[in-house]
């Protein structure tokens, strides 16, 4: 084997024949000296890496800066974990030098070796690589992706959180594969996050990660994504305050947010200096309307609704706010009053979870078709495939006679 390697590598600093004899049949101590020396022929170091029976010798070869990189794939599969650990350290040290020419064969050997070590069966080796490469400027993207997809949190999390070499396509792939919550949170906390990855974090449906993302100044959140987040925030109270102070919160989204957050968060909205006076006034109006239907001094929901209806204050805006706050009992009672229908009939229609009865009820209550769509979605929970949408964006899609016939069928005719 050793004779075959002659000429494959070039080095003439140590007497070759003497070194060859030591490598083949010398005692461990002398072989170890060869393995440590920077003057040892490269082909002899290669031979020691592949053939030497002593783990101590092979470990020394792995650490030796003169060992040819062609030997690294062999050492990466060594039976001794200390040898593999030593090799990992050397490979990381070589990355800055090798990265100058990423098309070179030597760089390919290094990436291949690190890729093998990133899949090592021994956890401490993978942990050591992750800890070192997480903020290394020359981490190969392929290796970063392997470590990021590791099943062990101690390996994957540092790469997911800190490694700039990790490509967006790998992050998106991880987010689509239903990762553990800690993985989504780590991605949400990255120093910089693209629009696509930000959207994927939200779609992962992990509230703590969403809160981290909203507070992350390095996350790119488009106005449309923020509006989507605001809509989703109805379910996640931990998103409310971060959204209220987000620097890119659009005025329309701020008004929607004001419709369902608590008073403390509404105060945060009102204290923003970047909202125009018209938006601030609308938010204040929303707050006043909400104070009305949140007031518990009127002797119960039905009594409050009755009084509001009598006073002419039971408006669609108020119902919209109540729906946003998920005060479904209030909305149900209000529909009963506005449609001049019994509360039992209104509840029966809602429980049908059917689109046309809800639309007919909204028409009878003199509410807009846009609000009728919200009632279908949020109150009656009609299937998305069965929703009835406004005609031309605003109008009821049925003739009045058809709606009246349907109301009669429902027992709500005049």
Protein backbone atom coordinates (compact mmCIF):
# COMPACT_ATOMS: atom_id res chain seq x y z
CA UNK A 1 0.00 0.00 0.00
CA UNK A 2 2.75 2.43 0.98
CA UNK A 3 4.74 1.80 -2.18
CA UNK A 4 1.64 2.61 -4.23
CA UNK A 5 1.45 6.03 -2.59
CA UNK A 6 5.00 7.02 -3.54
CA UNK A 7 4.83 9.97 -5.89
CA UNK A 8 1.20 10.72 -5.02
CA UNK A 9 2.39 13.37 -2.59
CA UNK A 10 5.62 15.38 -2.63
CA UNK A 11 7.83 15.80 0.45
CA UNK A 12 11.55 15.18 0.99
CA UNK A 13 12.27 16.61 4.42
CA UNK A 14 12.67 13.31 6.31
CA UNK A 15 14.54 10.27 5.01
CA UNK A 16 11.77 8.46 3.21
CA UNK A 17 13.02 4.89 3.53
CA UNK A 18 13.59 5.20 7.26
CA UNK A 19 10.17 6.76 7.80
CA UNK A 20 8.56 4.09 5.65
CA UNK A 21 10.09 1.31 7.73
CA UNK A 22 8.90 2.95 10.98
CA UNK A 23 5.38 3.42 9.61
CA UNK A 24 5.12 -0.23 8.58
CA UNK A 25 6.79 -2.05 11.48
CA UNK A 26 8.12 0.47 13.98
CA UNK A 27 7.03 0.67 17.66
CA UNK A 28 4.06 2.84 18.58
CA UNK A 29 6.20 5.57 20.11
CA UNK A 30 8.18 6.12 16.93
CA UNK A 31 5.06 5.92 14.78
CA UNK A 32 3.50 8.53 17.05
CA UNK A 33 6.49 10.81 16.52
CA UNK A 34 6.05 10.44 12.77
CA UNK A 35 2.35 11.20 13.08
CA UNK A 36 3.04 14.42 15.00
CA UNK A 37 5.87 15.76 12.87
CA UNK A 38 5.13 18.44 10.29
CA UNK A 39 8.13 17.16 8.26
CA UNK A 40 6.77 13.66 7.73
CA UNK A 41 6.11 12.68 4.14
CA UNK A 42 2.48 13.23 3.21
CA UNK A 43 2.11 9.76 1.76
CA UNK A 44 3.35 8.27 5.01
CA UNK A 45 0.84 10.33 6.98
CA UNK A 46 -1.85 9.09 4.60
CA UNK A 47 -0.72 5.52 5.21
CA UNK A 48 -0.79 5.99 8.99
CA UNK A 49 -4.30 7.48 8.76
CA UNK A 50 -5.57 4.46 6.86
CA UNK A 51 -3.56 1.57 8.29
CA UNK A 52 -2.11 2.30 11.71
CA UNK A 53 -3.68 0.14 14.46
CA UNK A 54 -3.13 2.73 17.19
CA UNK A 55 -5.85 5.31 17.84
CA UNK A 56 -3.21 7.56 19.41
CA UNK A 57 -1.25 7.57 16.18
CA UNK A 58 -4.31 8.16 14.01
CA UNK A 59 -5.43 10.99 16.30
CA UNK A 60 -2.02 12.65 15.93
CA UNK A 61 -2.32 12.30 12.17
CA UNK A 62 -5.75 13.91 12.27
CA UNK A 63 -4.34 16.92 14.13
CA UNK A 64 -1.19 17.23 12.01
CA UNK A 65 -1.41 20.24 9.70
CA UNK A 66 0.75 18.45 7.19
CA UNK A 67 -1.64 15.54 6.78
CA UNK A 68 -3.03 15.70 3.23
CA UNK A 69 -6.72 16.53 3.01
CA UNK A 70 -7.14 13.45 0.83
CA UNK A 71 -6.85 11.46 4.06
CA UNK A 72 -9.65 13.32 5.83
CA UNK A 73 -12.56 11.20 4.47
CA UNK A 74 -10.78 8.14 5.83
CA UNK A 75 -10.26 9.69 9.27
CA UNK A 76 -13.88 10.92 9.31
CA UNK A 77 -15.04 7.29 9.51
CA UNK A 78 -12.36 6.17 11.98
CA UNK A 79 -13.60 3.74 14.63
CA UNK A 80 -12.25 5.94 17.43
CA UNK A 81 -14.33 9.00 18.34
CA UNK A 82 -11.33 10.94 19.64
CA UNK A 83 -9.75 10.65 16.20
CA UNK A 84 -12.91 11.99 14.60
CA UNK A 85 -13.15 14.80 17.18
CA UNK A 86 -9.55 15.84 16.48
CA UNK A 87 -10.24 15.82 12.76
CA UNK A 88 -13.30 18.03 13.22
CA UNK A 89 -11.20 20.63 14.98
CA UNK A 90 -8.62 20.66 12.23
CA UNK A 91 -11.21 20.89 9.45
CA UNK A 92 -12.81 23.95 11.04
CA UNK A 93 -9.38 25.61 11.38
CA UNK A 94 -8.72 25.05 7.67
CA UNK A 95 -12.02 26.51 6.44
CA UNK A 96 -10.92 30.16 6.09
CA UNK A 97 -7.91 29.18 3.98
CA UNK A 98 -9.79 26.65 1.84
CA UNK A 99 -12.83 28.89 1.30
CA UNK A 100 -10.74 31.21 -0.89
CA UNK A 101 -11.25 28.75 -3.74
CA UNK A 102 -14.53 26.93 -3.21
CA UNK A 103 -14.13 25.15 -6.54
CA UNK A 104 -10.92 23.43 -5.51
CA UNK A 105 -10.64 19.71 -4.84
CA UNK A 106 -9.20 20.40 -1.40
CA UNK A 107 -12.27 22.43 -0.40
CA UNK A 108 -14.46 19.59 -1.64
CA UNK A 109 -12.54 17.15 0.58
CA UNK A 110 -13.06 19.44 3.57
CA UNK A 111 -16.80 19.80 2.93
CA UNK A 112 -17.17 16.06 2.41
CA UNK A 113 -15.36 15.41 5.68
CA UNK A 114 -17.40 17.91 7.67
CA UNK A 115 -20.57 16.51 6.14
CA UNK A 116 -19.63 13.04 7.34
CA UNK A 117 -18.82 14.34 10.81
CA UNK A 118 -22.13 16.26 10.91
CA UNK A 119 -23.87 12.88 10.70
CA UNK A 120 -21.60 11.19 13.23
CA UNK A 121 -23.34 8.72 15.53
CA UNK A 122 -21.63 10.27 18.56
CA UNK A 123 -23.58 13.24 19.88
CA UNK A 124 -20.63 15.11 21.35
CA UNK A 125 -18.95 15.29 17.93
CA UNK A 126 -22.03 16.78 16.32
CA UNK A 127 -22.45 19.16 19.28
CA UNK A 128 -18.84 20.30 18.99
CA UNK A 129 -19.27 20.97 15.28
CA UNK A 130 -22.52 22.86 15.81
CA UNK A 131 -21.06 24.98 18.59
CA UNK A 132 -18.04 25.89 16.46
CA UNK A 133 -19.76 26.40 13.12
CA UNK A 134 -22.83 28.32 14.35
CA UNK A 135 -21.03 31.65 14.00
CA UNK A 136 -18.15 30.67 11.73
CA UNK A 137 -17.90 32.95 8.73
CA UNK A 138 -16.92 30.11 6.38
CA UNK A 139 -19.38 27.40 7.38
CA UNK A 140 -20.35 25.39 4.27
CA UNK A 141 -24.12 25.75 3.68
CA UNK A 142 -24.48 22.01 3.05
CA UNK A 143 -22.96 21.19 6.43
CA UNK A 144 -25.05 23.85 8.15
CA UNK A 145 -28.20 22.28 6.69
CA UNK A 146 -27.21 18.83 7.94
CA UNK A 147 -26.64 20.11 11.47
CA UNK A 148 -29.82 22.22 11.42
CA UNK A 149 -31.89 19.13 10.65
CA UNK A 150 -30.36 17.08 13.46
CA UNK A 151 -32.90 15.42 15.74
CA UNK A 152 -31.03 16.58 18.84
CA UNK A 153 -31.84 20.07 20.07
CA UNK A 154 -28.29 20.63 21.34
CA UNK A 155 -27.02 20.21 17.79
CA UNK A 156 -29.71 21.87 15.69
CA UNK A 157 -30.70 24.87 17.80
CA UNK A 158 -27.40 26.81 17.68
CA UNK A 159 -27.29 26.51 13.89
CA UNK A 160 -30.95 27.45 13.48
CA UNK A 161 -30.52 30.45 15.73
CA UNK A 162 -27.12 31.84 14.73
CA UNK A 163 -25.67 30.34 11.54
CA UNK A 164 -25.74 32.88 8.71
CA UNK A 165 -24.71 30.19 6.20
CA UNK A 166 -28.03 28.39 6.58
CA UNK A 167 -29.97 28.95 3.35
CA UNK A 168 -33.58 30.13 3.26
CA UNK A 169 -34.61 27.02 1.36
CA UNK A 170 -33.36 24.87 4.23
CA UNK A 171 -35.15 27.03 6.80
CA UNK A 172 -38.38 26.79 4.80
CA UNK A 173 -37.97 23.03 4.46
CA UNK A 174 -37.53 22.68 8.22
CA UNK A 175 -40.56 24.86 8.94
CA UNK A 176 -42.72 22.85 6.55
CA UNK A 177 -41.81 19.57 8.25
CA UNK A 178 -43.71 20.35 11.49
CA UNK A 179 -40.66 21.00 13.68
CA UNK A 180 -40.57 21.14 17.45
CA UNK A 181 -41.52 24.44 19.04
CA UNK A 182 -37.93 25.20 20.05
CA UNK A 183 -36.85 24.94 16.40
CA UNK A 184 -39.47 27.47 15.25
CA UNK A 185 -38.49 29.80 18.09
CA UNK A 186 -34.81 29.54 17.17
CA UNK A 187 -35.56 30.47 13.55
CA UNK A 188 -37.81 33.34 14.68
CA UNK A 189 -34.92 34.78 16.70
CA UNK A 190 -32.34 34.80 13.88
CA UNK A 191 -30.51 38.09 13.34
CA UNK A 192 -32.01 38.55 9.89
CA UNK A 193 -35.09 36.81 8.48
CA UNK A 194 -36.43 37.08 4.94
CA UNK A 195 -40.06 37.74 4.06
CA UNK A 196 -40.64 34.13 3.02
CA UNK A 197 -39.18 32.70 6.21
CA UNK A 198 -41.10 35.21 8.35
CA UNK A 199 -44.34 34.10 6.72
CA UNK A 200 -43.43 30.44 7.25
CA UNK A 201 -42.78 31.06 10.96
CA UNK A 202 -46.30 32.49 11.33
CA UNK A 203 -47.81 29.62 9.37
CA UNK A 204 -46.05 27.14 11.67
CA UNK A 205 -48.75 28.14 14.19
CA UNK A 206 -46.51 28.32 17.25
CA UNK A 207 -47.59 31.38 19.30
CA UNK A 208 -44.33 31.87 21.28
CA UNK A 209 -42.33 31.85 18.05
CA UNK A 210 -44.76 34.33 16.52
CA UNK A 211 -44.23 36.70 19.45
CA UNK A 212 -40.44 36.40 19.04
CA UNK A 213 -40.72 37.13 15.32
CA UNK A 214 -42.91 40.21 15.81
CA UNK A 215 -40.38 41.64 18.26
CA UNK A 216 -37.41 40.78 16.04
CA UNK A 217 -36.23 43.96 14.32
CA UNK A 218 -34.27 41.88 11.84
CA UNK A 219 -37.37 40.09 10.56
CA UNK A 220 -38.78 41.38 7.30
CA UNK A 221 -42.54 41.77 7.72
CA UNK A 222 -44.46 43.14 4.76
CA UNK A 223 -47.61 45.21 5.37
CA UNK A 224 -49.75 42.34 4.06
CA UNK A 225 -48.04 39.87 6.40
CA UNK A 226 -48.53 42.20 9.36
CA UNK A 227 -52.23 42.45 8.51
CA UNK A 228 -52.38 38.66 8.39
CA UNK A 229 -50.61 38.49 11.76
CA UNK A 230 -53.09 40.96 13.23
CA UNK A 231 -55.94 38.78 12.04
CA UNK A 232 -54.31 35.69 13.56
CA UNK A 233 -53.63 37.62 16.76
CA UNK A 234 -57.28 37.29 17.79
CA UNK A 235 -56.27 33.84 19.02
CA UNK A 236 -52.93 34.80 20.60
CA UNK A 237 -52.92 37.47 23.30
CA UNK A 238 -49.11 37.33 23.56
CA UNK A 239 -48.92 38.94 20.12
CA UNK A 240 -51.04 41.98 21.04
CA UNK A 241 -48.51 44.23 22.78
CA UNK A 242 -45.64 43.52 20.34
CA UNK A 243 -47.95 44.33 17.44
CA UNK A 244 -49.18 47.54 19.07
CA UNK A 245 -45.63 48.94 19.21
CA UNK A 246 -44.34 47.45 15.94
CA UNK A 247 -42.76 50.20 13.88
CA UNK A 248 -44.32 48.97 10.62
CA UNK A 249 -47.88 48.50 11.85
CA UNK A 250 -50.15 49.93 9.10
CA UNK A 251 -52.93 52.32 10.24
CA UNK A 252 -55.69 50.00 9.03
CA UNK A 253 -54.14 47.11 10.94
CA UNK A 254 -53.89 49.31 14.04
CA UNK A 255 -57.64 49.97 13.85
CA UNK A 256 -58.38 46.26 13.49
CA UNK A 257 -56.10 45.49 16.42
CA UNK A 258 -57.86 48.07 18.56
CA UNK A 259 -61.07 46.14 17.99
CA UNK A 260 -60.08 43.14 20.09
CA UNK A 261 -57.13 43.92 22.39
CA UNK A 262 -57.42 44.90 26.05
CA UNK A 263 -57.27 48.46 27.35
CA UNK A 264 -53.57 48.34 28.19
CA UNK A 265 -52.69 47.46 24.60
CA UNK A 266 -55.13 50.04 23.23
CA UNK A 267 -53.27 52.65 25.26
CA UNK A 268 -50.05 51.55 23.54
CA UNK A 269 -51.74 52.17 20.19
CA UNK A 270 -52.96 55.59 21.20
CA UNK A 271 -49.50 56.57 22.41
CA UNK A 272 -47.90 55.90 19.04
CA UNK A 273 -46.49 59.05 17.46
CA UNK A 274 -46.61 57.80 13.87
CA UNK A 275 -50.38 57.45 13.50
CA UNK A 276 -52.26 60.29 11.86
CA UNK A 277 -54.99 62.13 13.73
CA UNK A 278 -57.77 60.45 11.74
CA UNK A 279 -56.51 56.98 12.70
CA UNK A 280 -56.13 57.98 16.35
CA UNK A 281 -59.69 59.32 16.33
CA UNK A 282 -61.01 56.10 14.83
CA UNK A 283 -59.16 54.03 17.43
CA UNK A 284 -60.66 56.23 20.15
CA UNK A 285 -64.12 55.68 18.66
CA UNK A 286 -63.54 51.93 18.65
CA UNK A 287 -62.53 52.12 22.30
CA UNK A 288 -65.69 54.02 23.17
CA UNK A 289 -67.90 51.54 21.36
CA UNK A 290 -66.22 48.67 23.11
CA UNK A 291 -66.68 50.30 26.49
CA UNK A 292 -70.40 50.30 25.76
CA UNK A 293 -70.79 46.63 25.03
CA UNK A 294 -68.26 45.65 27.72
CA UNK A 295 -70.22 47.58 30.35
CA UNK A 296 -71.65 45.17 32.90
CA UNK A 297 -73.82 47.70 34.71
CA UNK A 298 -76.90 47.25 32.51
CA UNK A 299 -78.23 44.04 34.01
CA UNK A 300 -77.01 41.45 31.50
CA UNK A 301 -76.41 41.23 27.77
CA UNK A 302 -80.05 41.16 26.66
CA UNK A 303 -80.91 44.22 28.74
CA UNK A 304 -77.89 46.13 27.41
CA UNK A 305 -78.69 45.24 23.81
CA UNK A 306 -82.29 46.28 24.27
CA UNK A 307 -81.24 49.66 25.64
CA UNK A 308 -78.64 50.20 22.92
CA UNK A 309 -81.21 49.38 20.25
CA UNK A 310 -83.70 51.78 21.82
CA UNK A 311 -81.05 54.51 21.89
CA UNK A 312 -80.08 53.89 18.26
CA UNK A 313 -76.56 52.88 19.20
CA UNK A 314 -76.68 49.26 18.07
CA UNK A 315 -74.66 49.86 14.89
CA UNK A 316 -72.75 47.57 12.58
CA UNK A 317 -69.50 49.09 13.86
CA UNK A 318 -70.42 48.04 17.39
CA UNK A 319 -71.28 44.52 16.21
CA UNK A 320 -67.99 44.39 14.31
CA UNK A 321 -66.09 45.29 17.46
CA UNK A 322 -68.03 42.71 19.48
CA UNK A 323 -67.35 40.06 16.84
CA UNK A 324 -63.67 40.95 16.86
CA UNK A 325 -63.59 40.55 20.63
CA UNK A 326 -65.51 37.26 20.29
CA UNK A 327 -68.40 38.51 22.36
CA UNK A 328 -70.59 36.08 20.47
CA UNK A 329 -73.48 36.26 22.93
CA UNK A 330 -73.63 40.02 22.44
CA UNK A 331 -73.60 39.62 18.64
CA UNK A 332 -76.33 36.98 18.80
CA UNK A 333 -78.55 39.17 20.96
CA UNK A 334 -77.89 42.15 18.72
CA UNK A 335 -78.89 40.16 15.61
CA UNK A 336 -82.09 39.18 17.38
CA UNK A 337 -82.92 42.83 18.08
CA UNK A 338 -81.93 44.17 14.66
CA UNK A 339 -83.72 41.43 12.71
CA UNK A 340 -86.77 41.48 14.98
CA UNK A 341 -86.37 37.73 15.50
CA UNK A 342 -86.46 35.63 18.63
CA UNK A 343 -83.14 34.79 20.25
CA UNK A 344 -83.96 31.10 19.84
CA UNK A 345 -84.43 31.50 16.08
CA UNK A 346 -81.16 33.38 15.72
CA UNK A 347 -79.28 30.71 17.67
CA UNK A 348 -80.91 28.02 15.53
CA UNK A 349 -79.73 29.69 12.34
CA UNK A 350 -76.19 30.07 13.66
CA UNK A 351 -76.07 26.43 14.72
CA UNK A 352 -76.97 25.34 11.17
CA UNK A 353 -73.45 26.40 10.08
CA UNK A 354 -74.95 27.12 6.66
CA UNK A 355 -74.18 30.20 4.57
CA UNK A 356 -77.53 31.24 3.07
CA UNK A 357 -79.52 31.37 6.35
CA UNK A 358 -76.83 33.61 7.88
CA UNK A 359 -76.84 35.88 4.83
CA UNK A 360 -80.64 36.14 4.96
CA UNK A 361 -80.51 36.96 8.69
CA UNK A 362 -77.91 39.68 8.10
CA UNK A 363 -80.06 41.17 5.32
CA UNK A 364 -83.09 41.23 7.60
CA UNK A 365 -80.97 42.95 10.27
CA UNK A 366 -80.04 45.62 7.67
CA UNK A 367 -76.33 44.78 7.86
CA UNK A 368 -73.87 44.96 4.98
CA UNK A 369 -73.00 41.92 2.89
CA UNK A 370 -69.38 42.32 3.92
CA UNK A 371 -70.42 41.91 7.52
CA UNK A 372 -72.63 38.99 6.51
CA UNK A 373 -69.46 37.30 5.26
CA UNK A 374 -67.79 37.84 8.63
CA UNK A 375 -70.83 36.40 10.38
CA UNK A 376 -70.54 33.30 8.21
CA UNK A 377 -66.85 32.93 8.97
CA UNK A 378 -66.55 33.94 12.60
CA UNK A 379 -69.95 33.36 14.20
CA UNK A 380 -71.50 30.48 12.29
CA UNK A 381 -68.18 28.85 11.33
CA UNK A 382 -69.39 28.02 7.84
CA UNK A 383 -67.00 25.85 5.83
CA UNK A 384 -64.70 27.90 3.61
CA UNK A 385 -65.93 25.97 0.57
CA UNK A 386 -69.53 26.96 1.26
CA UNK A 387 -69.08 30.67 2.03
CA UNK A 388 -71.21 33.16 0.10
CA UNK A 389 -69.22 36.25 -0.92
CA UNK A 390 -70.43 39.78 -1.71
CA UNK A 391 -71.31 40.52 -5.31
CA UNK A 392 -68.93 43.11 -6.80
CA UNK A 393 -67.22 43.26 -3.42
CA UNK A 394 -70.12 44.90 -1.55
CA UNK A 395 -73.60 43.79 -2.64
CA UNK A 396 -75.87 40.96 -1.62
CA UNK A 397 -75.73 38.27 -4.35
CA UNK A 398 -79.48 37.47 -4.15
CA UNK A 399 -82.58 39.35 -5.21
CA UNK A 400 -84.69 40.70 -2.35
CA UNK A 401 -87.57 38.39 -3.27
CA UNK A 402 -85.31 35.35 -3.04
CA UNK A 403 -84.02 36.42 0.38
CA UNK A 404 -87.57 37.01 1.63
CA UNK A 405 -88.61 33.55 0.44
CA UNK A 406 -85.70 32.03 2.29
CA UNK A 407 -86.56 33.97 5.45
CA UNK A 408 -90.11 32.62 5.23
CA UNK A 409 -88.70 29.13 4.89
CA UNK A 410 -86.68 29.76 8.07
CA UNK A 411 -89.77 30.99 9.89
CA UNK A 412 -88.63 34.61 9.89
CA UNK A 413 -91.07 36.06 7.37
CA UNK A 414 -92.83 39.35 8.08
